[in-house]
Amino acid sequence: MNERLRAAGVPNLTQLLRDLLGDSTEFPTYKAVQAVQRDHPHVTPKQVQDAITRLVARGELRTVRRGIYQPTDTMRGRRPR
């Protein structure tokens, strides 16, 4: 999967999500997919969902309800509000 992401021009999808979503309050999965695919159209929705799942497991995102996520204060690189 990493080779396919690098071929799509994304060296680190998890960090890309941190950069794109770190300042948001809540966001649905489809908004995260749209944000990534705007600049990297070859990244699949499954790849974005897998990266979101990793961030949830690390405690950097929390699930508000199914398909809706919120960055936590422990998200790496998150700027204070």
PDB file of N, CA and C in Angstrom:
ATOM      1  N   MET A   1       0.820  -1.184   0.000  1.00  0.00           N
ATOM      2  CA  MET A   1       0.000   0.000   0.000  1.00  0.00           C
ATOM      3  C   MET A   1       0.869   1.255   0.000  1.00  0.00           C
ATOM      4  N   ASN A   2       1.956   1.262   0.768  1.00  0.00           N
ATOM      5  CA  ASN A   2       2.813   2.437   0.819  1.00  0.00           C
ATOM      6  C   ASN A   2       3.388   2.774  -0.545  1.00  0.00           C
ATOM      7  N   GLU A   3       3.728   1.745  -1.319  1.00  0.00           N
ATOM      8  CA  GLU A   3       4.272   1.993  -2.651  1.00  0.00           C
ATOM      9  C   GLU A   3       3.227   2.660  -3.540  1.00  0.00           C
ATOM     10  N   ARG A   4       1.976   2.224  -3.428  1.00  0.00           N
ATOM     11  CA  ARG A   4       0.909   2.839  -4.228  1.00  0.00           C
ATOM     12  C   ARG A   4       0.669   4.282  -3.804  1.00  0.00           C
ATOM     13  N   LEU A   5       0.755   4.540  -2.501  1.00  0.00           N
ATOM     14  CA  LEU A   5       0.584   5.916  -2.024  1.00  0.00           C
ATOM     15  C   LEU A   5       1.716   6.805  -2.515  1.00  0.00           C
ATOM     16  N   ARG A   6       2.947   6.308  -2.421  1.00  0.00           N
ATOM     17  CA  ARG A   6       4.078   7.103  -2.912  1.00  0.00           C
ATOM     18  C   ARG A   6       3.959   7.339  -4.410  1.00  0.00           C
ATOM     19  N   ALA A   7       3.484   6.335  -5.141  1.00  0.00           N
ATOM     20  CA  ALA A   7       3.281   6.502  -6.584  1.00  0.00           C
ATOM     21  C   ALA A   7       2.211   7.555  -6.861  1.00  0.00           C
ATOM     22  N   ALA A   8       1.258   7.708  -5.943  1.00  0.00           N
ATOM     23  CA  ALA A   8       0.213   8.726  -6.089  1.00  0.00           C
ATOM     24  C   ALA A   8       0.696  10.092  -5.608  1.00  0.00           C
ATOM     25  N   GLY A   9       1.951  10.165  -5.143  1.00  0.00           N
ATOM     26  CA  GLY A   9       2.509  11.439  -4.710  1.00  0.00           C
ATOM     27  C   GLY A   9       2.279  11.761  -3.248  1.00  0.00           C
ATOM     28  N   VAL A  10       1.945  10.739  -2.442  1.00  0.00           N
ATOM     29  CA  VAL A  10       1.679  10.954  -1.013  1.00  0.00           C
ATOM     30  C   VAL A  10       2.683  10.123  -0.210  1.00  0.00           C
ATOM     31  N   PRO A  11       3.733  10.750   0.327  1.00  0.00           N
ATOM     32  CA  PRO A  11       4.709   9.972   1.085  1.00  0.00           C
ATOM     33  C   PRO A  11       4.169   9.465   2.425  1.00  0.00           C
ATOM     34  N   ASN A  12       3.225  10.204   3.054  1.00  0.00           N
ATOM     35  CA  ASN A  12       2.698   9.809   4.360  1.00  0.00           C
ATOM     36  C   ASN A  12       1.251  10.294   4.474  1.00  0.00           C
ATOM     37  N   LEU A  13       0.313   9.397   4.247  1.00  0.00           N
ATOM     38  CA  LEU A  13      -1.106   9.757   4.255  1.00  0.00           C
ATOM     39  C   LEU A  13      -1.575  10.176   5.648  1.00  0.00           C
ATOM     40  N   THR A  14      -1.060   9.536   6.676  1.00  0.00           N
ATOM     41  CA  THR A  14      -1.456   9.895   8.037  1.00  0.00           C
ATOM     42  C   THR A  14      -1.065  11.334   8.342  1.00  0.00           C
ATOM     43  N   GLN A  15       0.154  11.722   7.959  1.00  0.00           N
ATOM     44  CA  GLN A  15       0.589  13.096   8.196  1.00  0.00           C
ATOM     45  C   GLN A  15      -0.212  14.073   7.347  1.00  0.00           C
ATOM     46  N   LEU A  16      -0.545  13.685   6.135  1.00  0.00           N
ATOM     47  CA  LEU A  16      -1.373  14.537   5.277  1.00  0.00           C
ATOM     48  C   LEU A  16      -2.726  14.798   5.938  1.00  0.00           C
ATOM     49  N   LEU A  17      -3.333  13.763   6.508  1.00  0.00           N
ATOM     50  CA  LEU A  17      -4.607  13.940   7.215  1.00  0.00           C
ATOM     51  C   LEU A  17      -4.441  14.844   8.431  1.00  0.00           C
ATOM     52  N   ARG A  18      -3.348  14.680   9.156  1.00  0.00           N
ATOM     53  CA  ARG A  18      -3.096  15.574  10.299  1.00  0.00           C
ATOM     54  C   ARG A  18      -3.052  17.030   9.833  1.00  0.00           C
ATOM     55  N   ASP A  19      -2.335  17.270   8.736  1.00  0.00           N
ATOM     56  CA  ASP A  19      -2.197  18.634   8.218  1.00  0.00           C
ATOM     57  C   ASP A  19      -3.533  19.196   7.742  1.00  0.00           C
ATOM     58  N   LEU A  20      -4.332  18.363   7.069  1.00  0.00           N
ATOM     59  CA  LEU A  20      -5.597  18.828   6.505  1.00  0.00           C
ATOM     60  C   LEU A  20      -6.689  19.003   7.559  1.00  0.00           C
ATOM     61  N   LEU A  21      -6.696  18.144   8.567  1.00  0.00           N
ATOM     62  CA  LEU A  21      -7.840  18.086   9.473  1.00  0.00           C
ATOM     63  C   LEU A  21      -7.537  18.509  10.901  1.00  0.00           C
ATOM     64  N   GLY A  22      -6.294  18.828  11.196  1.00  0.00           N
ATOM     65  CA  GLY A  22      -5.903  19.153  12.566  1.00  0.00           C
ATOM     66  C   GLY A  22      -6.619  20.348  13.154  1.00  0.00           C
ATOM     67  N   ASP A  23      -7.049  21.279  12.321  1.00  0.00           N
ATOM     68  CA  ASP A  23      -7.718  22.482  12.820  1.00  0.00           C
ATOM     69  C   ASP A  23      -9.243  22.388  12.773  1.00  0.00           C
ATOM     70  N   SER A  24      -9.764  21.279  12.270  1.00  0.00           N
ATOM     71  CA  SER A  24     -11.220  21.163  12.156  1.00  0.00           C
ATOM     72  C   SER A  24     -11.825  20.764  13.503  1.00  0.00           C
ATOM     73  N   THR A  25     -13.129  20.999  13.627  1.00  0.00           N
ATOM     74  CA  THR A  25     -13.814  20.595  14.852  1.00  0.00           C
ATOM     75  C   THR A  25     -14.331  19.171  14.699  1.00  0.00           C
ATOM     76  N   GLU A  26     -15.210  18.940  13.755  1.00  0.00           N
ATOM     77  CA  GLU A  26     -15.708  17.601  13.421  1.00  0.00           C
ATOM     78  C   GLU A  26     -15.705  17.488  11.911  1.00  0.00           C
ATOM     79  N   PHE A  27     -15.534  16.274  11.416  1.00  0.00           N
ATOM     80  CA  PHE A  27     -15.596  16.083   9.976  1.00  0.00           C
ATOM     81  C   PHE A  27     -16.077  14.674   9.660  1.00  0.00           C
ATOM     82  N   PRO A  28     -16.883  14.542   8.596  1.00  0.00           N
ATOM     83  CA  PRO A  28     -17.285  13.211   8.150  1.00  0.00           C
ATOM     84  C   PRO A  28     -16.189  12.608   7.266  1.00  0.00           C
ATOM     85  N   THR A  29     -16.200  11.307   7.153  1.00  0.00           N
ATOM     86  CA  THR A  29     -15.199  10.608   6.360  1.00  0.00           C
ATOM     87  C   THR A  29     -15.159  11.127   4.930  1.00  0.00           C
ATOM     88  N   TYR A  30     -16.327  11.375   4.334  1.00  0.00           N
ATOM     89  CA  TYR A  30     -16.330  11.788   2.931  1.00  0.00           C
ATOM     90  C   TYR A  30     -15.631  13.129   2.730  1.00  0.00           C
ATOM     91  N   LYS A  31     -15.673  14.015   3.740  1.00  0.00           N
ATOM     92  CA  LYS A  31     -14.966  15.304   3.640  1.00  0.00           C
ATOM     93  C   LYS A  31     -13.455  15.080   3.675  1.00  0.00           C
ATOM     94  N   ALA A  32     -13.004  14.130   4.485  1.00  0.00           N
ATOM     95  CA  ALA A  32     -11.580  13.801   4.530  1.00  0.00           C
ATOM     96  C   ALA A  32     -11.132  13.242   3.184  1.00  0.00           C
ATOM     97  N   VAL A  33     -11.948  12.364   2.604  1.00  0.00           N
ATOM     98  CA  VAL A  33     -11.627  11.796   1.291  1.00  0.00           C
ATOM     99  C   VAL A  33     -11.554  12.905   0.248  1.00  0.00           C
ATOM    100  N   GLN A  34     -12.526  13.808   0.242  1.00  0.00           N
ATOM    101  CA  GLN A  34     -12.520  14.918  -0.714  1.00  0.00           C
ATOM    102  C   GLN A  34     -11.288  15.793  -0.541  1.00  0.00           C
ATOM    103  N   ALA A  35     -10.922  16.084   0.700  1.00  0.00           N
ATOM    104  CA  ALA A  35      -9.762  16.938   0.960  1.00  0.00           C
ATOM    105  C   ALA A  35      -8.480  16.299   0.432  1.00  0.00           C
ATOM    106  N   VAL A  36      -8.334  14.999   0.628  1.00  0.00           N
ATOM    107  CA  VAL A  36      -7.136  14.303   0.150  1.00  0.00           C
ATOM    108  C   VAL A  36      -7.155  14.208  -1.370  1.00  0.00           C
ATOM    109  N   GLN A  37      -8.302  13.820  -1.937  1.00  0.00           N
ATOM    110  CA  GLN A  37      -8.374  13.607  -3.382  1.00  0.00           C
ATOM    111  C   GLN A  37      -8.318  14.894  -4.190  1.00  0.00           C
ATOM    112  N   ARG A  38      -8.515  16.029  -3.559  1.00  0.00           N
ATOM    113  CA  ARG A  38      -8.420  17.307  -4.265  1.00  0.00           C
ATOM    114  C   ARG A  38      -7.025  17.457  -4.884  1.00  0.00           C
ATOM    115  N   ASP A  39      -5.992  17.133  -4.106  1.00  0.00           N
ATOM    116  CA  ASP A  39      -4.618  17.249  -4.599  1.00  0.00           C
ATOM    117  C   ASP A  39      -4.018  15.915  -5.015  1.00  0.00           C
ATOM    118  N   HIS A  40      -4.609  14.822  -4.557  1.00  0.00           N
ATOM    119  CA  HIS A  40      -4.070  13.483  -4.824  1.00  0.00           C
ATOM    120  C   HIS A  40      -5.207  12.566  -5.277  1.00  0.00           C
ATOM    121  N   PRO A  41      -5.670  12.712  -6.515  1.00  0.00           N
ATOM    122  CA  PRO A  41      -6.857  11.974  -6.972  1.00  0.00           C
ATOM    123  C   PRO A  41      -6.691  10.456  -7.035  1.00  0.00           C
ATOM    124  N   HIS A  42      -5.464   9.957  -6.989  1.00  0.00           N
ATOM    125  CA  HIS A  42      -5.267   8.509  -7.086  1.00  0.00           C
ATOM    126  C   HIS A  42      -5.331   7.801  -5.735  1.00  0.00           C
ATOM    127  N   VAL A  43      -5.482   8.555  -4.659  1.00  0.00           N
ATOM    128  CA  VAL A  43      -5.645   7.946  -3.335  1.00  0.00           C
ATOM    129  C   VAL A  43      -7.096   7.486  -3.221  1.00  0.00           C
ATOM    130  N   THR A  44      -7.284   6.240  -2.799  1.00  0.00           N
ATOM    131  CA  THR A  44      -8.634   5.679  -2.735  1.00  0.00           C
ATOM    132  C   THR A  44      -9.308   6.014  -1.401  1.00  0.00           C
ATOM    133  N   PRO A  45     -10.639   6.010  -1.383  1.00  0.00           N
ATOM    134  CA  PRO A  45     -11.354   6.215  -0.114  1.00  0.00           C
ATOM    135  C   PRO A  45     -10.965   5.181   0.950  1.00  0.00           C
ATOM    136  N   LYS A  46     -10.707   3.949   0.548  1.00  0.00           N
ATOM    137  CA  LYS A  46     -10.294   2.902   1.502  1.00  0.00           C
ATOM    138  C   LYS A  46      -8.973   3.267   2.162  1.00  0.00           C
ATOM    139  N   GLN A  47      -8.037   3.812   1.397  1.00  0.00           N
ATOM    140  CA  GLN A  47      -6.753   4.213   1.969  1.00  0.00           C
ATOM    141  C   GLN A  47      -6.938   5.334   2.997  1.00  0.00           C
ATOM    142  N   VAL A  48      -7.817   6.276   2.697  1.00  0.00           N
ATOM    143  CA  VAL A  48      -8.091   7.367   3.637  1.00  0.00           C
ATOM    144  C   VAL A  48      -8.748   6.807   4.894  1.00  0.00           C
ATOM    145  N   GLN A  49      -9.724   5.914   4.733  1.00  0.00           N
ATOM    146  CA  GLN A  49     -10.395   5.314   5.893  1.00  0.00           C
ATOM    147  C   GLN A  49      -9.407   4.534   6.750  1.00  0.00           C
ATOM    148  N   ASP A  50      -8.493   3.808   6.125  1.00  0.00           N
ATOM    149  CA  ASP A  50      -7.482   3.067   6.887  1.00  0.00           C
ATOM    150  C   ASP A  50      -6.597   4.014   7.699  1.00  0.00           C
ATOM    151  N   ALA A  51      -6.231   5.151   7.116  1.00  0.00           N
ATOM    152  CA  ALA A  51      -5.409   6.133   7.831  1.00  0.00           C
ATOM    153  C   ALA A  51      -6.194   6.744   8.993  1.00  0.00           C
ATOM    154  N   ILE A  52      -7.476   7.007   8.780  1.00  0.00           N
ATOM    155  CA  ILE A  52      -8.320   7.528   9.863  1.00  0.00           C
ATOM    156  C   ILE A  52      -8.400   6.502  10.994  1.00  0.00           C
ATOM    157  N   THR A  53      -8.560   5.238  10.650  1.00  0.00           N
ATOM    158  CA  THR A  53      -8.618   4.171  11.648  1.00  0.00           C
ATOM    159  C   THR A  53      -7.332   4.126  12.465  1.00  0.00           C
ATOM    160  N   ARG A  54      -6.181   4.303  11.802  1.00  0.00           N
ATOM    161  CA  ARG A  54      -4.904   4.333  12.528  1.00  0.00           C
ATOM    162  C   ARG A  54      -4.854   5.513  13.498  1.00  0.00           C
ATOM    163  N   LEU A  55      -5.340   6.677  13.058  1.00  0.00           N
ATOM    164  CA  LEU A  55      -5.335   7.857  13.931  1.00  0.00           C
ATOM    165  C   LEU A  55      -6.269   7.674  15.128  1.00  0.00           C
ATOM    166  N   VAL A  56      -7.400   7.001  14.919  1.00  0.00           N
ATOM    167  CA  VAL A  56      -8.315   6.709  16.030  1.00  0.00           C
ATOM    168  C   VAL A  56      -7.632   5.754  17.014  1.00  0.00           C
ATOM    169  N   ALA A  57      -6.971   4.727  16.492  1.00  0.00           N
ATOM    170  CA  ALA A  57      -6.294   3.757  17.357  1.00  0.00           C
ATOM    171  C   ALA A  57      -5.184   4.412  18.175  1.00  0.00           C
ATOM    172  N   ARG A  58      -4.530   5.413  17.614  1.00  0.00           N
ATOM    173  CA  ARG A  58      -3.458   6.128  18.323  1.00  0.00           C
ATOM    174  C   ARG A  58      -3.995   7.183  19.283  1.00  0.00           C
ATOM    175  N   GLY A  59      -5.292   7.435  19.232  1.00  0.00           N
ATOM    176  CA  GLY A  59      -5.888   8.428  20.113  1.00  0.00           C
ATOM    177  C   GLY A  59      -5.784   9.849  19.592  1.00  0.00           C
ATOM    178  N   GLU A  60      -5.410  10.013  18.321  1.00  0.00           N
ATOM    179  CA  GLU A  60      -5.289  11.353  17.748  1.00  0.00           C
ATOM    180  C   GLU A  60      -6.618  11.860  17.191  1.00  0.00           C
ATOM    181  N   LEU A  61      -7.537  10.952  16.935  1.00  0.00           N
ATOM    182  CA  LEU A  61      -8.904  11.289  16.534  1.00  0.00           C
ATOM    183  C   LEU A  61      -9.845  10.532  17.449  1.00  0.00           C
ATOM    184  N   ARG A  62     -11.030  11.080  17.646  1.00  0.00           N
ATOM    185  CA  ARG A  62     -12.056  10.331  18.371  1.00  0.00           C
ATOM    186  C   ARG A  62     -13.288  10.240  17.479  1.00  0.00           C
ATOM    187  N   THR A  63     -14.025   9.162  17.649  1.00  0.00           N
ATOM    188  CA  THR A  63     -15.249   8.958  16.893  1.00  0.00           C
ATOM    189  C   THR A  63     -16.389   9.653  17.620  1.00  0.00           C
ATOM    190  N   VAL A  64     -17.019  10.614  16.954  1.00  0.00           N
ATOM    191  CA  VAL A  64     -18.174  11.313  17.523  1.00  0.00           C
ATOM    192  C   VAL A  64     -19.394  10.423  17.362  1.00  0.00           C
ATOM    193  N   ARG A  65     -19.596   9.942  16.163  1.00  0.00           N
ATOM    194  CA  ARG A  65     -20.596   8.929  15.835  1.00  0.00           C
ATOM    195  C   ARG A  65     -20.124   8.277  14.546  1.00  0.00           C
ATOM    196  N   ARG A  66     -20.810   7.277  14.100  1.00  0.00           N
ATOM    197  CA  ARG A  66     -20.342   6.518  12.947  1.00  0.00           C
ATOM    198  C   ARG A  66     -20.052   7.444  11.762  1.00  0.00           C
ATOM    199  N   GLY A  67     -18.802   7.421  11.302  1.00  0.00           N
ATOM    200  CA  GLY A  67     -18.404   8.202  10.136  1.00  0.00           C
ATOM    201  C   GLY A  67     -18.085   9.659  10.415  1.00  0.00           C
ATOM    202  N   ILE A  68     -18.184  10.080  11.667  1.00  0.00           N
ATOM    203  CA  ILE A  68     -17.887  11.465  12.053  1.00  0.00           C
ATOM    204  C   ILE A  68     -16.753  11.430  13.079  1.00  0.00           C
ATOM    205  N   TYR A  69     -15.701  12.190  12.805  1.00  0.00           N
ATOM    206  CA  TYR A  69     -14.515  12.175  13.658  1.00  0.00           C
ATOM    207  C   TYR A  69     -14.170  13.581  14.129  1.00  0.00           C
ATOM    208  N   GLN A  70     -13.392  13.625  15.210  1.00  0.00           N
ATOM    209  CA  GLN A  70     -12.970  14.898  15.784  1.00  0.00           C
ATOM    210  C   GLN A  70     -11.516  14.757  16.232  1.00  0.00           C
ATOM    211  N   PRO A  71     -10.660  15.714  15.867  1.00  0.00           N
ATOM    212  CA  PRO A  71      -9.275  15.667  16.349  1.00  0.00           C
ATOM    213  C   PRO A  71      -9.232  15.843  17.870  1.00  0.00           C
ATOM    214  N   THR A  72      -8.325  15.136  18.512  1.00  0.00           N
ATOM    215  CA  THR A  72      -8.143  15.294  19.952  1.00  0.00           C
ATOM    216  C   THR A  72      -6.995  16.264  20.205  1.00  0.00           C
ATOM    217  N   ASP A  73      -6.839  16.664  21.446  1.00  0.00           N
ATOM    218  CA  ASP A  73      -5.746  17.569  21.796  1.00  0.00           C
ATOM    219  C   ASP A  73      -4.385  16.896  21.667  1.00  0.00           C
ATOM    220  N   THR A  74      -4.373  15.571  21.592  1.00  0.00           N
ATOM    221  CA  THR A  74      -3.106  14.846  21.475  1.00  0.00           C
ATOM    222  C   THR A  74      -2.678  14.642  20.027  1.00  0.00           C
ATOM    223  N   MET A  75      -3.461  15.139  19.067  1.00  0.00           N
ATOM    224  CA  MET A  75      -3.083  14.979  17.663  1.00  0.00           C
ATOM    225  C   MET A  75      -1.747  15.678  17.424  1.00  0.00           C
ATOM    226  N   ARG A  76      -0.801  14.932  16.875  1.00  0.00           N
ATOM    227  CA  ARG A  76       0.525  15.483  16.611  1.00  0.00           C
ATOM    228  C   ARG A  76       0.441  16.666  15.661  1.00  0.00           C
ATOM    229  N   GLY A  77       1.091  17.753  16.012  1.00  0.00           N
ATOM    230  CA  GLY A  77       1.108  18.921  15.149  1.00  0.00           C
ATOM    231  C   GLY A  77      -0.121  19.797  15.263  1.00  0.00           C
ATOM    232  N   ARG A  78      -1.032  19.432  16.141  1.00  0.00           N
ATOM    233  CA  ARG A  78      -2.261  20.222  16.297  1.00  0.00           C
ATOM    234  C   ARG A  78      -1.947  21.550  16.967  1.00  0.00           C
ATOM    235  N   ARG A  79      -2.485  22.604  16.405  1.00  0.00           N
ATOM    236  CA  ARG A  79      -2.279  23.932  16.975  1.00  0.00           C
ATOM    237  C   ARG A  79      -3.362  24.202  18.009  1.00  0.00           C
ATOM    238  N   PRO A  80      -3.011  24.835  19.130  1.00  0.00           N
ATOM    239  CA  PRO A  80      -4.023  25.123  20.160  1.00  0.00           C
ATOM    240  C   PRO A  80      -5.107  26.043  19.625  1.00  0.00           C
ATOM    241  N   ARG A  81      -6.333  25.819  20.099  1.00  0.00           N
ATOM    242  CA  ARG A  81      -7.462  26.655  19.660  1.00  0.00           C
ATOM    243  C   ARG A  81      -7.562  27.891  20.495  1.00  0.00           C
TER     244      ARG A  81
END
